[in-house]
């Protein structure tokens, strides 16, 4: 039995890069959904304990796009395993 170390190294490198990338994209999604709106005119935003003030629609849309990318990568990984 011989091990192709070059192929094993490639699989390790790609797996590590994709994992780190997906953690970063998922983190951006979490940040986008938890972003709070800035208070207007120097006042403080009224918040309920445990609640969040809605962020901008652009940030929320970007966060949903990040989650969609994560779901697509997971689906592609499952496709590669099953096929």
N, C-alpha and C. Protein backbone atom coordinates (compact mmCIF):
# COMPACT_ATOMS: atom_id res chain seq x y z
N UNK A 1 0.85 -1.18 0.00
CA UNK A 1 0.00 0.00 0.00
C UNK A 1 0.90 1.24 0.00
N UNK A 2 0.67 2.10 -0.98
CA UNK A 2 1.45 3.33 -1.02
C UNK A 2 0.52 4.52 -0.88
N UNK A 3 1.01 5.53 -0.22
CA UNK A 3 0.22 6.74 0.01
C UNK A 3 0.73 7.84 -0.90
N UNK A 4 -0.18 8.46 -1.62
CA UNK A 4 0.18 9.59 -2.48
C UNK A 4 0.16 10.84 -1.60
N UNK A 5 1.34 11.21 -1.09
CA UNK A 5 1.44 12.30 -0.13
C UNK A 5 1.09 13.64 -0.76
N UNK A 6 1.37 13.80 -2.04
CA UNK A 6 1.04 15.07 -2.71
C UNK A 6 -0.47 15.26 -2.77
N UNK A 7 -1.20 14.20 -3.11
CA UNK A 7 -2.66 14.29 -3.17
C UNK A 7 -3.24 14.51 -1.78
N UNK A 8 -2.67 13.85 -0.79
CA UNK A 8 -3.14 14.03 0.58
C UNK A 8 -2.90 15.46 1.05
N UNK A 9 -1.76 16.02 0.69
CA UNK A 9 -1.47 17.41 1.04
C UNK A 9 -2.42 18.38 0.35
N UNK A 10 -2.77 18.10 -0.91
CA UNK A 10 -3.72 18.94 -1.62
C UNK A 10 -5.10 18.90 -0.97
N UNK A 11 -5.54 17.72 -0.62
CA UNK A 11 -6.85 17.58 0.03
C UNK A 11 -6.85 18.32 1.36
N UNK A 12 -5.77 18.19 2.12
CA UNK A 12 -5.68 18.90 3.39
C UNK A 12 -5.71 20.41 3.20
N UNK A 13 -4.93 20.91 2.23
CA UNK A 13 -4.87 22.34 1.99
C UNK A 13 -6.20 22.92 1.54
N UNK A 14 -6.86 22.25 0.61
CA UNK A 14 -8.15 22.73 0.13
C UNK A 14 -9.20 22.67 1.23
N UNK A 15 -9.19 21.58 1.99
CA UNK A 15 -10.15 21.46 3.10
C UNK A 15 -9.95 22.55 4.14
N UNK A 16 -8.70 22.84 4.47
CA UNK A 16 -8.42 23.88 5.44
C UNK A 16 -8.85 25.25 4.93
N UNK A 17 -8.54 25.54 3.66
CA UNK A 17 -8.91 26.84 3.08
C UNK A 17 -10.42 27.02 3.01
N UNK A 18 -11.13 25.99 2.58
CA UNK A 18 -12.59 26.09 2.48
C UNK A 18 -13.22 26.22 3.86
N UNK A 19 -12.70 25.49 4.83
CA UNK A 19 -13.23 25.57 6.19
C UNK A 19 -13.04 26.96 6.78
N UNK A 20 -11.85 27.52 6.64
CA UNK A 20 -11.59 28.86 7.16
C UNK A 20 -12.45 29.89 6.42
N UNK A 21 -12.58 29.73 5.11
CA UNK A 21 -13.42 30.64 4.32
C UNK A 21 -14.88 30.58 4.74
N UNK A 22 -15.39 29.38 4.95
CA UNK A 22 -16.80 29.25 5.33
C UNK A 22 -17.05 29.79 6.73
N UNK A 23 -16.11 29.62 7.63
CA UNK A 23 -16.26 30.21 8.97
C UNK A 23 -16.31 31.73 8.85
N UNK A 24 -15.47 32.29 7.99
CA UNK A 24 -15.48 33.74 7.79
C UNK A 24 -16.78 34.23 7.18
N UNK A 25 -17.29 33.52 6.18
CA UNK A 25 -18.55 33.93 5.54
C UNK A 25 -19.71 33.80 6.52
N UNK A 26 -19.73 32.71 7.29
CA UNK A 26 -20.81 32.53 8.27
C UNK A 26 -20.74 33.62 9.34
N UNK A 27 -19.52 34.00 9.74
CA UNK A 27 -19.35 35.07 10.72
C UNK A 27 -19.89 36.40 10.18
N UNK A 28 -19.61 36.68 8.90
CA UNK A 28 -20.16 37.89 8.29
C UNK A 28 -21.69 37.86 8.30
N UNK A 29 -22.27 36.69 8.08
CA UNK A 29 -23.73 36.56 8.14
C UNK A 29 -24.26 36.84 9.53
N UNK A 30 -23.60 36.32 10.54
CA UNK A 30 -24.02 36.56 11.92
C UNK A 30 -23.91 38.05 12.25
N UNK A 31 -22.81 38.67 11.85
CA UNK A 31 -22.62 40.10 12.13
C UNK A 31 -23.68 40.91 11.39
N UNK A 32 -24.01 40.52 10.17
CA UNK A 32 -25.01 41.26 9.39
C UNK A 32 -26.40 41.18 9.98
N UNK A 33 -26.73 40.06 10.59
CA UNK A 33 -28.07 39.94 11.18
C UNK A 33 -28.14 40.56 12.57
N UNK A 34 -27.01 40.76 13.22
CA UNK A 34 -27.05 41.31 14.57
C UNK A 34 -26.65 42.78 14.62
N UNK A 35 -26.42 43.37 13.49
CA UNK A 35 -26.02 44.78 13.45
C UNK A 35 -27.15 45.66 13.95
N UNK A 36 -26.83 46.60 14.82
CA UNK A 36 -27.84 47.51 15.36
C UNK A 36 -27.77 48.84 14.62
N UNK A 37 -28.90 49.47 14.49
CA UNK A 37 -28.95 50.78 13.85
C UNK A 37 -28.33 51.82 14.79
N UNK A 38 -27.69 52.81 14.22
CA UNK A 38 -27.10 53.86 15.04
C UNK A 38 -28.18 54.83 15.50
N UNK A 39 -28.10 55.32 16.73
CA UNK A 39 -29.10 56.27 17.20
C UNK A 39 -29.00 57.59 16.44
N UNK A 40 -30.12 58.21 16.22
CA UNK A 40 -30.16 59.48 15.48
C UNK A 40 -29.97 60.65 16.43
N UNK A 41 -29.32 61.69 15.98
CA UNK A 41 -29.12 62.96 16.67
C UNK A 41 -28.49 62.79 18.04
N UNK A 42 -27.56 61.86 18.16
CA UNK A 42 -26.80 61.72 19.38
C UNK A 42 -27.56 61.12 20.55
N UNK A 43 -28.79 60.71 20.35
CA UNK A 43 -29.55 60.10 21.45
C UNK A 43 -29.21 58.63 21.59
N UNK A 44 -29.84 58.01 22.54
CA UNK A 44 -29.61 56.58 22.72
C UNK A 44 -30.80 55.82 22.15
N UNK A 45 -30.53 54.70 21.58
CA UNK A 45 -31.60 53.87 21.02
C UNK A 45 -32.30 53.13 22.15
N UNK A 46 -33.61 53.13 22.10
CA UNK A 46 -34.37 52.40 23.12
C UNK A 46 -34.35 50.91 22.76
N UNK A 47 -33.83 50.10 23.65
CA UNK A 47 -33.78 48.66 23.40
C UNK A 47 -34.44 47.92 24.55
N UNK A 48 -34.96 46.79 24.22
CA UNK A 48 -35.55 45.92 25.22
C UNK A 48 -34.45 44.94 25.63
N UNK A 49 -34.39 44.55 26.89
CA UNK A 49 -33.35 43.59 27.28
C UNK A 49 -33.44 42.33 26.43
N UNK A 50 -32.34 41.97 25.79
CA UNK A 50 -32.32 40.79 24.94
C UNK A 50 -32.78 41.06 23.53
N UNK A 51 -33.29 42.25 23.25
CA UNK A 51 -33.76 42.57 21.91
C UNK A 51 -32.72 43.35 21.14
N UNK A 52 -32.93 43.46 19.84
CA UNK A 52 -32.00 44.20 19.00
C UNK A 52 -32.78 45.17 18.13
N UNK A 53 -32.17 46.28 17.85
CA UNK A 53 -32.76 47.25 16.94
C UNK A 53 -32.46 46.78 15.53
N UNK A 54 -33.43 46.87 14.62
CA UNK A 54 -33.21 46.40 13.26
C UNK A 54 -32.10 47.18 12.59
N UNK A 55 -31.24 46.46 11.86
CA UNK A 55 -30.17 47.08 11.09
C UNK A 55 -30.68 47.49 9.73
N UNK A 56 -29.79 47.88 8.87
CA UNK A 56 -30.18 48.32 7.53
C UNK A 56 -30.60 47.12 6.69
N UNK A 57 -31.51 47.35 5.75
CA UNK A 57 -31.93 46.24 4.87
C UNK A 57 -30.78 45.70 4.03
N UNK A 58 -29.82 46.55 3.68
CA UNK A 58 -28.67 46.10 2.90
C UNK A 58 -27.82 45.12 3.70
N UNK A 59 -27.60 45.42 4.98
CA UNK A 59 -26.82 44.52 5.84
C UNK A 59 -27.54 43.18 6.01
N UNK A 60 -28.84 43.22 6.19
CA UNK A 60 -29.60 41.99 6.36
C UNK A 60 -29.60 41.16 5.07
N UNK A 61 -29.71 41.82 3.92
CA UNK A 61 -29.67 41.11 2.64
C UNK A 61 -28.30 40.48 2.42
N UNK A 62 -27.24 41.21 2.77
CA UNK A 62 -25.89 40.65 2.66
C UNK A 62 -25.70 39.45 3.57
N UNK A 63 -26.29 39.53 4.76
CA UNK A 63 -26.19 38.41 5.70
C UNK A 63 -26.92 37.19 5.15
N UNK A 64 -28.08 37.39 4.57
CA UNK A 64 -28.81 36.26 3.98
C UNK A 64 -28.03 35.69 2.80
N UNK A 65 -27.35 36.53 2.04
CA UNK A 65 -26.52 36.04 0.93
C UNK A 65 -25.35 35.19 1.47
N UNK A 66 -24.77 35.61 2.58
CA UNK A 66 -23.70 34.83 3.20
C UNK A 66 -24.21 33.46 3.65
N UNK A 67 -25.39 33.43 4.24
CA UNK A 67 -25.97 32.16 4.67
C UNK A 67 -26.29 31.28 3.45
N UNK A 68 -26.72 31.88 2.35
CA UNK A 68 -27.01 31.12 1.13
C UNK A 68 -25.73 30.51 0.56
N UNK A 69 -24.63 31.26 0.62
CA UNK A 69 -23.35 30.73 0.15
C UNK A 69 -22.93 29.55 1.02
N UNK A 70 -23.09 29.66 2.32
CA UNK A 70 -22.75 28.55 3.23
C UNK A 70 -23.61 27.33 2.93
N UNK A 71 -24.89 27.54 2.72
CA UNK A 71 -25.78 26.41 2.42
C UNK A 71 -25.41 25.77 1.08
N UNK A 72 -25.01 26.58 0.10
CA UNK A 72 -24.62 26.04 -1.20
C UNK A 72 -23.34 25.20 -1.09
N UNK A 73 -22.39 25.65 -0.28
CA UNK A 73 -21.15 24.89 -0.11
C UNK A 73 -21.43 23.58 0.61
N UNK A 74 -22.29 23.61 1.60
CA UNK A 74 -22.65 22.37 2.31
C UNK A 74 -23.36 21.41 1.36
N UNK A 75 -24.28 21.93 0.56
CA UNK A 75 -24.99 21.08 -0.41
C UNK A 75 -24.03 20.48 -1.43
N UNK A 76 -23.05 21.27 -1.88
CA UNK A 76 -22.07 20.77 -2.84
C UNK A 76 -21.21 19.68 -2.19
N UNK A 77 -20.84 19.86 -0.94
CA UNK A 77 -20.07 18.84 -0.24
C UNK A 77 -20.84 17.54 -0.10
N UNK A 78 -22.12 17.65 0.22
CA UNK A 78 -22.95 16.43 0.31
C UNK A 78 -23.08 15.78 -1.06
N UNK A 79 -23.21 16.59 -2.11
CA UNK A 79 -23.28 16.07 -3.47
C UNK A 79 -21.99 15.29 -3.81
N UNK A 80 -20.83 15.85 -3.44
CA UNK A 80 -19.56 15.17 -3.73
C UNK A 80 -19.45 13.84 -2.97
N UNK A 81 -19.97 13.79 -1.77
CA UNK A 81 -19.91 12.55 -0.99
C UNK A 81 -20.84 11.49 -1.57
N UNK A 82 -22.06 11.91 -1.95
CA UNK A 82 -23.07 10.96 -2.41
C UNK A 82 -22.77 10.48 -3.83
N UNK A 83 -22.32 11.38 -4.71
CA UNK A 83 -22.14 11.02 -6.13
C UNK A 83 -20.93 10.17 -6.36
